[in-house]
């Protein structure tokens, strides 16, 4: 079981490296790791389990955040009522295209690897087309928009050595392009 002490914190060099692609078939170790990352997200979104194990809630977890520099990320995205609207483990994801129009979360973003609050809007593409493989090696291309696109972008950034606050405007953290979609 992945716990908070297993999550690598900001400042660790693994978070700034470009993660290595995986080859198929995945090893049993890599498949188990994918399952553990997803289980962390499931547990972290369950108030009783999260409290028992002192887990911070997460909607995405990338392998570098658990100290492994590999191209794998788990996503478990709920809607505002707590219903899961997107659940997947990405292996070797690539963004094929992205919208010019940006989106951001009204409250800003957080990260399991960043312990302090960093205020400001984090503009990301409102729509993404992503190519990836499942843990079983199935090739997929999907389109995501709004909140699921923001989560996917955040996790793929981790695989490329970027953290959310890299996208915040340093001079004016609460400035956005005029047509940016603000999701509350």
N, C-alpha and C. Protein backbone atom coordinates (compact mmCIF):
# COMPACT_ATOMS: atom_id res chain seq x y z
N UNK A 1 0.84 -1.19 0.00
CA UNK A 1 0.00 0.00 0.00
C UNK A 1 0.88 1.25 0.00
N UNK A 2 0.61 2.15 -0.93
CA UNK A 2 1.34 3.40 -0.98
C UNK A 2 0.75 4.34 0.08
N UNK A 3 1.64 4.90 0.91
CA UNK A 3 1.23 5.84 1.95
C UNK A 3 1.91 7.18 1.69
N UNK A 4 1.55 8.20 2.45
CA UNK A 4 2.11 9.53 2.22
C UNK A 4 3.63 9.54 2.34
N UNK A 5 4.19 8.73 3.22
CA UNK A 5 5.66 8.74 3.35
C UNK A 5 6.35 8.15 2.11
N UNK A 6 5.59 7.48 1.25
CA UNK A 6 6.15 6.95 0.00
C UNK A 6 6.16 7.99 -1.12
N UNK A 7 5.43 9.09 -0.93
CA UNK A 7 5.34 10.12 -1.96
C UNK A 7 6.57 11.01 -1.90
N UNK A 8 7.25 11.12 -3.04
CA UNK A 8 8.45 11.94 -3.16
C UNK A 8 8.03 13.41 -3.10
N UNK A 9 8.80 14.22 -2.37
CA UNK A 9 8.46 15.63 -2.20
C UNK A 9 9.29 16.53 -3.11
N UNK A 10 8.71 17.71 -3.36
CA UNK A 10 9.35 18.75 -4.17
C UNK A 10 10.79 18.95 -3.69
N UNK A 11 11.70 19.01 -4.63
CA UNK A 11 13.12 19.13 -4.30
C UNK A 11 13.88 17.86 -4.64
N UNK A 12 13.18 16.72 -4.68
CA UNK A 12 13.81 15.47 -5.07
C UNK A 12 14.06 15.51 -6.58
N UNK A 13 15.28 15.20 -7.03
CA UNK A 13 15.61 15.29 -8.47
C UNK A 13 14.74 14.42 -9.38
N UNK A 14 14.17 13.33 -8.87
CA UNK A 14 13.35 12.45 -9.72
C UNK A 14 12.15 13.21 -10.29
N UNK A 15 11.67 14.23 -9.58
CA UNK A 15 10.51 14.99 -10.04
C UNK A 15 10.84 15.93 -11.20
N UNK A 16 12.12 16.15 -11.45
CA UNK A 16 12.53 17.07 -12.53
C UNK A 16 13.17 16.34 -13.71
N UNK A 17 13.16 15.01 -13.66
CA UNK A 17 13.69 14.21 -14.77
C UNK A 17 12.59 13.85 -15.75
N UNK A 18 12.95 13.66 -17.01
CA UNK A 18 12.01 13.11 -17.98
C UNK A 18 12.02 11.60 -17.75
N UNK A 19 10.83 11.04 -17.46
CA UNK A 19 10.72 9.62 -17.13
C UNK A 19 10.97 8.75 -18.36
N UNK A 20 11.46 7.56 -18.12
CA UNK A 20 11.78 6.60 -19.18
C UNK A 20 10.53 5.88 -19.67
N UNK A 21 10.41 5.69 -20.99
CA UNK A 21 9.28 4.91 -21.51
C UNK A 21 9.41 3.44 -21.10
N UNK A 22 8.27 2.78 -21.01
CA UNK A 22 8.23 1.36 -20.68
C UNK A 22 8.10 0.53 -21.95
N UNK A 23 8.57 -0.71 -21.89
CA UNK A 23 8.42 -1.62 -23.03
C UNK A 23 7.41 -2.70 -22.63
N UNK A 24 6.76 -3.25 -23.66
CA UNK A 24 5.74 -4.27 -23.44
C UNK A 24 6.25 -5.62 -23.87
N UNK A 25 5.75 -6.70 -23.24
CA UNK A 25 4.78 -6.68 -22.15
C UNK A 25 5.41 -6.13 -20.87
N UNK A 26 4.58 -5.47 -20.05
CA UNK A 26 5.05 -4.95 -18.77
C UNK A 26 5.39 -6.11 -17.84
N UNK A 27 6.39 -5.88 -17.00
CA UNK A 27 6.73 -6.88 -15.98
C UNK A 27 5.60 -6.95 -14.96
N UNK A 28 5.55 -8.04 -14.22
CA UNK A 28 4.55 -8.15 -13.15
C UNK A 28 4.76 -7.05 -12.13
N UNK A 29 6.01 -6.69 -11.88
CA UNK A 29 6.33 -5.62 -10.93
C UNK A 29 5.69 -4.30 -11.39
N UNK A 30 5.80 -4.00 -12.68
CA UNK A 30 5.21 -2.76 -13.20
C UNK A 30 3.68 -2.80 -13.15
N UNK A 31 3.10 -3.96 -13.45
CA UNK A 31 1.63 -4.09 -13.36
C UNK A 31 1.15 -3.91 -11.92
N UNK A 32 1.88 -4.52 -10.99
CA UNK A 32 1.52 -4.38 -9.57
C UNK A 32 1.65 -2.93 -9.12
N UNK A 33 2.69 -2.26 -9.61
CA UNK A 33 2.92 -0.85 -9.27
C UNK A 33 1.76 0.01 -9.77
N UNK A 34 1.30 -0.26 -10.99
CA UNK A 34 0.16 0.48 -11.55
C UNK A 34 -1.07 0.30 -10.67
N UNK A 35 -1.28 -0.94 -10.24
CA UNK A 35 -2.43 -1.24 -9.37
C UNK A 35 -2.31 -0.53 -8.03
N UNK A 36 -1.10 -0.48 -7.48
CA UNK A 36 -0.88 0.21 -6.21
C UNK A 36 -1.13 1.71 -6.34
N UNK A 37 -0.70 2.30 -7.46
CA UNK A 37 -0.94 3.73 -7.65
C UNK A 37 -2.44 4.02 -7.73
N UNK A 38 -3.17 3.19 -8.49
CA UNK A 38 -4.62 3.39 -8.58
C UNK A 38 -5.28 3.17 -7.23
N UNK A 39 -4.81 2.18 -6.49
CA UNK A 39 -5.40 1.91 -5.17
C UNK A 39 -5.17 3.09 -4.22
N UNK A 40 -4.01 3.74 -4.33
CA UNK A 40 -3.79 4.93 -3.51
C UNK A 40 -4.88 5.96 -3.79
N UNK A 41 -5.17 6.20 -5.07
CA UNK A 41 -6.18 7.20 -5.44
C UNK A 41 -7.56 6.81 -4.91
N UNK A 42 -7.91 5.53 -5.06
CA UNK A 42 -9.20 5.04 -4.56
C UNK A 42 -9.28 5.25 -3.05
N UNK A 43 -8.23 4.83 -2.34
CA UNK A 43 -8.22 4.96 -0.88
C UNK A 43 -8.23 6.42 -0.45
N UNK A 44 -7.49 7.25 -1.16
CA UNK A 44 -7.38 8.67 -0.77
C UNK A 44 -8.69 9.42 -0.95
N UNK A 45 -9.56 8.92 -1.83
CA UNK A 45 -10.85 9.56 -2.06
C UNK A 45 -11.95 9.00 -1.16
N UNK A 46 -11.63 7.99 -0.38
CA UNK A 46 -12.57 7.42 0.59
C UNK A 46 -12.27 8.06 1.95
N UNK A 47 -13.18 8.90 2.46
CA UNK A 47 -12.88 9.63 3.69
C UNK A 47 -12.44 8.77 4.87
N UNK A 48 -13.07 7.60 5.06
CA UNK A 48 -12.71 6.75 6.20
C UNK A 48 -11.30 6.18 6.05
N UNK A 49 -11.00 5.64 4.86
CA UNK A 49 -9.67 5.05 4.63
C UNK A 49 -8.60 6.14 4.66
N UNK A 50 -8.90 7.28 4.04
CA UNK A 50 -7.94 8.39 4.00
C UNK A 50 -7.60 8.86 5.41
N UNK A 51 -8.63 8.97 6.27
CA UNK A 51 -8.38 9.40 7.64
C UNK A 51 -7.57 8.36 8.40
N UNK A 52 -7.94 7.10 8.24
CA UNK A 52 -7.25 6.02 8.95
C UNK A 52 -5.75 6.00 8.63
N UNK A 53 -5.42 6.20 7.34
CA UNK A 53 -4.02 6.11 6.91
C UNK A 53 -3.38 7.47 6.68
N UNK A 54 -4.10 8.55 7.02
CA UNK A 54 -3.62 9.93 6.86
C UNK A 54 -3.16 10.20 5.43
N UNK A 55 -4.04 9.89 4.48
CA UNK A 55 -3.74 10.09 3.06
C UNK A 55 -4.30 11.43 2.60
N UNK A 56 -3.52 12.16 1.82
CA UNK A 56 -4.05 13.35 1.17
C UNK A 56 -4.79 12.90 -0.08
N UNK A 57 -5.95 13.48 -0.31
CA UNK A 57 -6.76 13.08 -1.46
C UNK A 57 -6.04 13.43 -2.75
N UNK A 58 -6.13 12.51 -3.72
CA UNK A 58 -5.52 12.73 -5.02
C UNK A 58 -6.44 12.26 -6.12
N UNK A 59 -6.31 12.89 -7.28
CA UNK A 59 -7.05 12.47 -8.48
C UNK A 59 -6.10 11.92 -9.53
N UNK A 60 -4.81 12.08 -9.29
CA UNK A 60 -3.80 11.55 -10.20
C UNK A 60 -2.52 11.29 -9.43
N UNK A 61 -1.77 10.31 -9.90
CA UNK A 61 -0.49 9.97 -9.29
C UNK A 61 0.43 9.45 -10.39
N UNK A 62 1.56 10.13 -10.56
CA UNK A 62 2.54 9.72 -11.57
C UNK A 62 3.67 8.94 -10.91
N UNK A 63 4.23 7.99 -11.64
CA UNK A 63 5.28 7.13 -11.10
C UNK A 63 6.44 7.90 -10.47
N UNK A 64 6.91 9.02 -11.08
CA UNK A 64 8.01 9.75 -10.43
C UNK A 64 7.67 10.24 -9.02
N UNK A 65 6.39 10.45 -8.74
CA UNK A 65 5.97 10.88 -7.41
C UNK A 65 6.15 9.79 -6.36
N UNK A 66 6.35 8.57 -6.84
CA UNK A 66 6.59 7.45 -5.93
C UNK A 66 8.03 6.95 -6.13
N UNK A 67 8.86 7.82 -6.72
CA UNK A 67 10.28 7.54 -6.84
C UNK A 67 10.71 6.71 -8.04
N UNK A 68 9.80 6.40 -8.96
CA UNK A 68 10.16 5.61 -10.13
C UNK A 68 10.06 6.47 -11.38
N UNK A 69 11.17 6.66 -12.05
CA UNK A 69 11.22 7.51 -13.24
C UNK A 69 10.82 6.73 -14.48
N UNK A 70 9.53 6.35 -14.52
CA UNK A 70 8.98 5.62 -15.66
C UNK A 70 7.72 6.33 -16.14
N UNK A 71 7.38 6.14 -17.41
CA UNK A 71 6.23 6.81 -18.03
C UNK A 71 4.92 6.09 -17.69
N UNK A 72 4.47 6.29 -16.45
CA UNK A 72 3.21 5.68 -16.00
C UNK A 72 2.52 6.65 -15.04
N UNK A 73 1.21 6.78 -15.20
CA UNK A 73 0.43 7.64 -14.30
C UNK A 73 -0.97 7.08 -14.15
N UNK A 74 -1.49 7.12 -12.94
CA UNK A 74 -2.86 6.69 -12.65
C UNK A 74 -3.73 7.93 -12.49
N UNK A 75 -4.96 7.86 -13.04
CA UNK A 75 -5.91 8.96 -12.93
C UNK A 75 -7.25 8.41 -12.46
N UNK A 76 -7.84 9.08 -11.48
CA UNK A 76 -9.15 8.71 -10.96
C UNK A 76 -9.89 10.02 -10.69
N UNK A 77 -10.66 10.44 -11.69
CA UNK A 77 -11.25 11.78 -11.68
C UNK A 77 -12.75 11.70 -11.36
N UNK A 78 -13.14 12.29 -10.22
CA UNK A 78 -14.57 12.33 -9.88
C UNK A 78 -15.22 13.62 -10.38
N UNK A 79 -16.54 13.60 -10.51
CA UNK A 79 -17.26 14.84 -10.79
C UNK A 79 -17.55 15.52 -9.46
N UNK A 80 -18.31 16.61 -9.47
CA UNK A 80 -18.56 17.35 -8.23
C UNK A 80 -19.47 16.62 -7.25
N UNK A 81 -20.05 15.49 -7.66
CA UNK A 81 -20.88 14.67 -6.76
C UNK A 81 -20.12 13.44 -6.25
N UNK A 82 -18.85 13.29 -6.69
CA UNK A 82 -18.05 12.15 -6.26
C UNK A 82 -18.14 10.93 -7.17
N UNK A 83 -18.89 11.04 -8.27
CA UNK A 83 -18.97 9.93 -9.23
C UNK A 83 -17.73 9.95 -10.12
N UNK A 84 -17.15 8.79 -10.34
CA UNK A 84 -15.94 8.72 -11.16
C UNK A 84 -16.30 8.94 -12.63
N UNK A 85 -15.66 9.94 -13.25
CA UNK A 85 -15.92 10.23 -14.66
C UNK A 85 -14.76 9.81 -15.56
N UNK A 86 -13.59 9.55 -14.97
CA UNK A 86 -12.47 9.04 -15.77
C UNK A 86 -11.55 8.25 -14.85
N UNK A 87 -11.26 7.01 -15.27
CA UNK A 87 -10.37 6.14 -14.51
C UNK A 87 -9.49 5.39 -15.50
N UNK A 88 -8.16 5.56 -15.35
CA UNK A 88 -7.25 4.89 -16.28
C UNK A 88 -5.82 4.97 -15.75
N UNK A 89 -5.01 4.02 -16.15
CA UNK A 89 -3.57 4.11 -15.96
C UNK A 89 -2.97 4.33 -17.34
N UNK A 90 -2.26 5.44 -17.49
CA UNK A 90 -1.58 5.76 -18.74
C UNK A 90 -0.18 5.15 -18.69
N UNK A 91 0.21 4.48 -19.76
CA UNK A 91 1.59 4.05 -19.94
C UNK A 91 2.09 4.70 -21.23
N UNK A 92 3.24 5.35 -21.13
CA UNK A 92 3.85 6.06 -22.26
C UNK A 92 2.89 7.04 -22.94
N UNK A 93 2.22 7.90 -22.17
CA UNK A 93 1.27 8.83 -22.80
C UNK A 93 1.96 9.94 -23.58
N UNK A 94 1.33 10.33 -24.67
CA UNK A 94 1.82 11.45 -25.49
C UNK A 94 0.62 12.31 -25.83
N UNK A 95 0.76 13.62 -25.67
CA UNK A 95 -0.29 14.54 -26.09
C UNK A 95 -0.13 14.77 -27.58
N UNK A 96 -1.15 14.36 -28.34
CA UNK A 96 -1.11 14.50 -29.80
C UNK A 96 -1.53 15.90 -30.24
N UNK A 97 -2.52 16.46 -29.55
CA UNK A 97 -2.96 17.81 -29.86
C UNK A 97 -3.63 18.41 -28.64
N UNK A 98 -3.66 19.73 -28.62
CA UNK A 98 -4.29 20.43 -27.51
C UNK A 98 -4.97 21.68 -28.02
N UNK A 99 -6.00 22.09 -27.32
CA UNK A 99 -6.74 23.27 -27.74
C UNK A 99 -5.93 24.53 -27.45
N UNK A 100 -6.19 25.55 -28.23
CA UNK A 100 -5.58 26.86 -27.98
C UNK A 100 -6.21 27.44 -26.72
N UNK A 101 -7.51 27.23 -26.60
CA UNK A 101 -8.25 27.73 -25.43
C UNK A 101 -7.75 27.03 -24.16
N UNK A 102 -7.57 27.81 -23.13
CA UNK A 102 -7.06 27.29 -21.86
C UNK A 102 -8.18 27.10 -20.85
N UNK A 103 -7.89 26.29 -19.84
CA UNK A 103 -8.78 26.08 -18.71
C UNK A 103 -7.93 26.05 -17.45
N UNK A 104 -8.56 26.37 -16.33
CA UNK A 104 -7.87 26.27 -15.05
C UNK A 104 -8.90 26.03 -13.95
N UNK A 105 -8.42 25.59 -12.82
CA UNK A 105 -9.28 25.39 -11.66
C UNK A 105 -9.37 26.70 -10.89
N UNK A 106 -10.57 27.06 -10.48
CA UNK A 106 -10.79 28.33 -9.77
C UNK A 106 -9.95 28.41 -8.49
N UNK A 107 -9.79 27.28 -7.82
CA UNK A 107 -9.03 27.28 -6.56
C UNK A 107 -7.54 27.04 -6.75
N UNK A 108 -7.09 26.96 -8.00
CA UNK A 108 -5.69 26.64 -8.27
C UNK A 108 -5.48 25.14 -8.18
N UNK A 109 -4.24 24.72 -8.27
CA UNK A 109 -3.93 23.29 -8.21
C UNK A 109 -3.08 22.99 -7.00
N UNK A 110 -3.11 21.74 -6.62
CA UNK A 110 -2.23 21.23 -5.59
C UNK A 110 -1.56 19.99 -6.12
N UNK A 111 -0.68 19.42 -5.32
CA UNK A 111 0.06 18.24 -5.76
C UNK A 111 0.48 17.46 -4.52
N UNK A 112 0.38 16.15 -4.59
CA UNK A 112 0.79 15.31 -3.47
C UNK A 112 2.27 15.48 -3.15
N UNK A 113 3.06 15.90 -4.14
CA UNK A 113 4.50 16.07 -3.94
C UNK A 113 4.88 17.48 -3.47
N UNK A 114 3.90 18.38 -3.44
CA UNK A 114 4.18 19.77 -3.02
C UNK A 114 3.39 20.04 -1.74
N UNK A 115 4.11 20.20 -0.65
CA UNK A 115 3.46 20.34 0.65
C UNK A 115 2.93 21.73 0.95
N UNK A 116 3.43 22.74 0.27
CA UNK A 116 2.95 24.10 0.56
C UNK A 116 1.93 24.54 -0.47
N UNK A 117 1.05 25.45 -0.06
CA UNK A 117 0.08 26.03 -0.99
C UNK A 117 0.80 27.05 -1.86
N UNK A 118 0.63 26.92 -3.16
CA UNK A 118 1.19 27.89 -4.10
C UNK A 118 0.01 28.47 -4.85
N UNK A 119 -0.26 29.75 -4.59
CA UNK A 119 -1.45 30.38 -5.14
C UNK A 119 -1.22 30.85 -6.57
N UNK A 120 -2.30 30.82 -7.34
CA UNK A 120 -2.27 31.30 -8.70
C UNK A 120 -3.00 30.34 -9.61
N UNK A 121 -3.44 30.89 -10.75
CA UNK A 121 -4.10 30.06 -11.75
C UNK A 121 -3.05 29.26 -12.52
N UNK A 122 -3.42 28.03 -12.86
CA UNK A 122 -2.54 27.13 -13.62
C UNK A 122 -3.20 26.89 -14.97
N UNK A 123 -2.93 27.74 -15.97
CA UNK A 123 -3.58 27.55 -17.26
C UNK A 123 -3.07 26.30 -17.98
N UNK A 124 -4.01 25.52 -18.47
CA UNK A 124 -3.71 24.29 -19.20
C UNK A 124 -4.65 24.23 -20.40
N UNK A 125 -4.35 23.37 -21.36
CA UNK A 125 -5.29 23.22 -22.49
C UNK A 125 -6.66 22.74 -22.00
N UNK A 126 -7.72 23.32 -22.55
CA UNK A 126 -9.08 22.90 -22.18
C UNK A 126 -9.42 21.54 -22.77
N UNK A 127 -8.82 21.22 -23.92
CA UNK A 127 -9.06 19.93 -24.56
C UNK A 127 -7.72 19.31 -24.95
N UNK A 128 -7.65 18.00 -24.80
CA UNK A 128 -6.45 17.24 -25.15
C UNK A 128 -6.82 16.01 -25.95
N UNK A 129 -5.95 15.65 -26.87
CA UNK A 129 -6.02 14.35 -27.55
C UNK A 129 -4.75 13.62 -27.12
N UNK A 130 -4.94 12.47 -26.47
CA UNK A 130 -3.82 11.74 -25.88
C UNK A 130 -3.74 10.33 -26.44
N UNK A 131 -2.52 9.93 -26.77
CA UNK A 131 -2.24 8.55 -27.18
C UNK A 131 -1.49 7.90 -26.02
N UNK A 132 -1.90 6.70 -25.66
CA UNK A 132 -1.23 5.98 -24.57
C UNK A 132 -1.49 4.49 -24.71
N UNK A 133 -0.89 3.73 -23.83
CA UNK A 133 -1.11 2.29 -23.74
C UNK A 133 -1.69 1.98 -22.37
N UNK A 134 -2.53 0.95 -22.31
CA UNK A 134 -3.00 0.47 -21.02
C UNK A 134 -1.92 -0.44 -20.44
N UNK A 135 -2.10 -0.84 -19.20
CA UNK A 135 -1.15 -1.74 -18.54
C UNK A 135 -1.02 -3.04 -19.32
N UNK A 136 -2.10 -3.47 -19.97
CA UNK A 136 -2.07 -4.72 -20.76
C UNK A 136 -1.53 -4.53 -22.17
N UNK A 137 -1.11 -3.30 -22.51
CA UNK A 137 -0.51 -3.05 -23.80
C UNK A 137 -1.49 -2.64 -24.89
N UNK A 138 -2.74 -2.41 -24.52
CA UNK A 138 -3.72 -1.96 -25.52
C UNK A 138 -3.44 -0.50 -25.86
N UNK A 139 -3.37 -0.22 -27.16
CA UNK A 139 -3.11 1.14 -27.62
C UNK A 139 -4.42 1.91 -27.67
N UNK A 140 -4.41 3.14 -27.14
CA UNK A 140 -5.63 3.95 -27.12
C UNK A 140 -5.31 5.40 -27.48
N UNK A 141 -6.30 6.04 -28.08
CA UNK A 141 -6.26 7.47 -28.31
C UNK A 141 -7.59 8.01 -27.82
N UNK A 142 -7.52 9.00 -26.92
CA UNK A 142 -8.74 9.55 -26.33
C UNK A 142 -8.71 11.07 -26.40
N UNK A 143 -9.89 11.64 -26.24
CA UNK A 143 -10.04 13.09 -26.12
C UNK A 143 -10.62 13.39 -24.75
N UNK A 144 -10.01 14.35 -24.08
CA UNK A 144 -10.50 14.77 -22.77
C UNK A 144 -10.72 16.27 -22.80
N UNK A 145 -11.67 16.74 -21.98
CA UNK A 145 -11.85 18.18 -21.87
C UNK A 145 -12.16 18.57 -20.44
N UNK A 146 -12.00 19.84 -20.16
CA UNK A 146 -12.27 20.41 -18.85
C UNK A 146 -11.47 19.71 -17.74
N UNK A 147 -12.12 19.35 -16.64
CA UNK A 147 -11.40 18.82 -15.48
C UNK A 147 -10.55 17.58 -15.80
N UNK A 148 -11.09 16.56 -16.49
CA UNK A 148 -10.23 15.41 -16.82
C UNK A 148 -8.99 15.81 -17.65
N UNK A 149 -9.13 16.79 -18.54
CA UNK A 149 -7.98 17.25 -19.33
C UNK A 149 -6.94 17.92 -18.44
N UNK A 150 -7.42 18.69 -17.46
CA UNK A 150 -6.49 19.34 -16.52
C UNK A 150 -5.71 18.29 -15.73
N UNK A 151 -6.41 17.28 -15.22
CA UNK A 151 -5.75 16.22 -14.45
C UNK A 151 -4.74 15.48 -15.32
N UNK A 152 -5.13 15.12 -16.54
CA UNK A 152 -4.21 14.41 -17.44
C UNK A 152 -2.98 15.26 -17.75
N UNK A 153 -3.19 16.54 -18.01
CA UNK A 153 -2.07 17.44 -18.29
C UNK A 153 -1.12 17.51 -17.09
N UNK A 154 -1.68 17.62 -15.90
CA UNK A 154 -0.88 17.67 -14.66
C UNK A 154 0.00 16.42 -14.53
N UNK A 155 -0.61 15.25 -14.75
CA UNK A 155 0.15 13.99 -14.59
C UNK A 155 1.19 13.82 -15.69
N UNK A 156 0.84 14.17 -16.92
CA UNK A 156 1.81 14.06 -18.02
C UNK A 156 2.96 15.04 -17.80
N UNK A 157 2.66 16.21 -17.23
CA UNK A 157 3.74 17.14 -16.85
C UNK A 157 4.74 16.45 -15.93
N UNK A 158 4.23 15.69 -14.93
CA UNK A 158 5.13 14.96 -14.02
C UNK A 158 6.08 14.04 -14.79
N UNK A 159 5.58 13.41 -15.83
CA UNK A 159 6.40 12.46 -16.59
C UNK A 159 7.46 13.18 -17.42
N UNK A 160 7.29 14.50 -17.57
CA UNK A 160 8.24 15.31 -18.34
C UNK A 160 9.06 16.24 -17.45
N UNK A 161 9.01 16.01 -16.14
CA UNK A 161 9.84 16.76 -15.21
C UNK A 161 9.33 18.14 -14.83
N UNK A 162 8.01 18.36 -15.00
CA UNK A 162 7.44 19.67 -14.68
C UNK A 162 6.47 19.55 -13.50
N UNK A 163 6.38 20.62 -12.72
CA UNK A 163 5.42 20.70 -11.63
C UNK A 163 4.41 21.80 -11.94
N UNK A 164 3.23 21.71 -11.32
CA UNK A 164 2.14 22.62 -11.67
C UNK A 164 2.50 24.09 -11.55
N UNK A 165 3.30 24.44 -10.56
CA UNK A 165 3.60 25.85 -10.36
C UNK A 165 4.51 26.43 -11.44
N UNK A 166 5.11 25.56 -12.26
CA UNK A 166 5.90 26.06 -13.40
C UNK A 166 5.01 26.81 -14.38
N UNK A 167 3.71 26.50 -14.41
CA UNK A 167 2.77 27.11 -15.35
C UNK A 167 2.12 28.40 -14.82
N UNK A 168 2.33 28.72 -13.55
CA UNK A 168 1.73 29.93 -12.98
C UNK A 168 2.52 31.15 -13.44
N UNK A 169 1.81 32.18 -13.85
CA UNK A 169 2.43 33.44 -14.25
C UNK A 169 3.14 34.02 -13.02
N UNK A 170 4.46 34.16 -13.10
CA UNK A 170 5.25 34.59 -11.94
C UNK A 170 4.96 36.03 -11.53
N UNK A 171 4.74 36.92 -12.51
CA UNK A 171 4.50 38.33 -12.20
C UNK A 171 3.05 38.57 -11.75
N UNK A 172 2.10 37.90 -12.41
CA UNK A 172 0.68 38.10 -12.11
C UNK A 172 -0.01 36.75 -11.99
N UNK A 173 0.11 36.09 -10.83
CA UNK A 173 -0.40 34.72 -10.68
C UNK A 173 -1.91 34.54 -10.89
N UNK A 174 -2.67 35.64 -10.81
CA UNK A 174 -4.12 35.51 -10.99
C UNK A 174 -4.59 36.18 -12.29
N UNK A 175 -3.69 36.27 -13.27
CA UNK A 175 -4.03 36.81 -14.58
C UNK A 175 -4.25 35.66 -15.54
N UNK A 176 -5.32 35.76 -16.36
CA UNK A 176 -5.66 34.72 -17.33
C UNK A 176 -5.97 35.35 -18.68
N UNK A 177 -5.77 34.57 -19.72
CA UNK A 177 -6.23 34.99 -21.06
C UNK A 177 -7.75 35.14 -21.01
N UNK A 178 -8.28 36.05 -21.83
CA UNK A 178 -9.69 36.42 -21.79
C UNK A 178 -10.66 35.25 -21.92
N UNK A 179 -10.37 34.29 -22.82
CA UNK A 179 -11.32 33.21 -23.06
C UNK A 179 -11.04 31.94 -22.24
N UNK A 180 -10.24 32.05 -21.19
CA UNK A 180 -9.92 30.89 -20.36
C UNK A 180 -11.17 30.40 -19.63
N UNK A 181 -11.36 29.08 -19.64
CA UNK A 181 -12.47 28.45 -18.92
C UNK A 181 -12.01 28.26 -17.47
N UNK A 182 -12.74 28.84 -16.52
CA UNK A 182 -12.42 28.69 -15.10
C UNK A 182 -13.40 27.67 -14.50
N UNK A 183 -12.87 26.56 -14.05
CA UNK A 183 -13.68 25.47 -13.53
C UNK A 183 -13.72 25.52 -12.01
N UNK A 184 -14.95 25.59 -11.45
CA UNK A 184 -15.03 25.66 -9.98
C UNK A 184 -15.54 24.35 -9.40
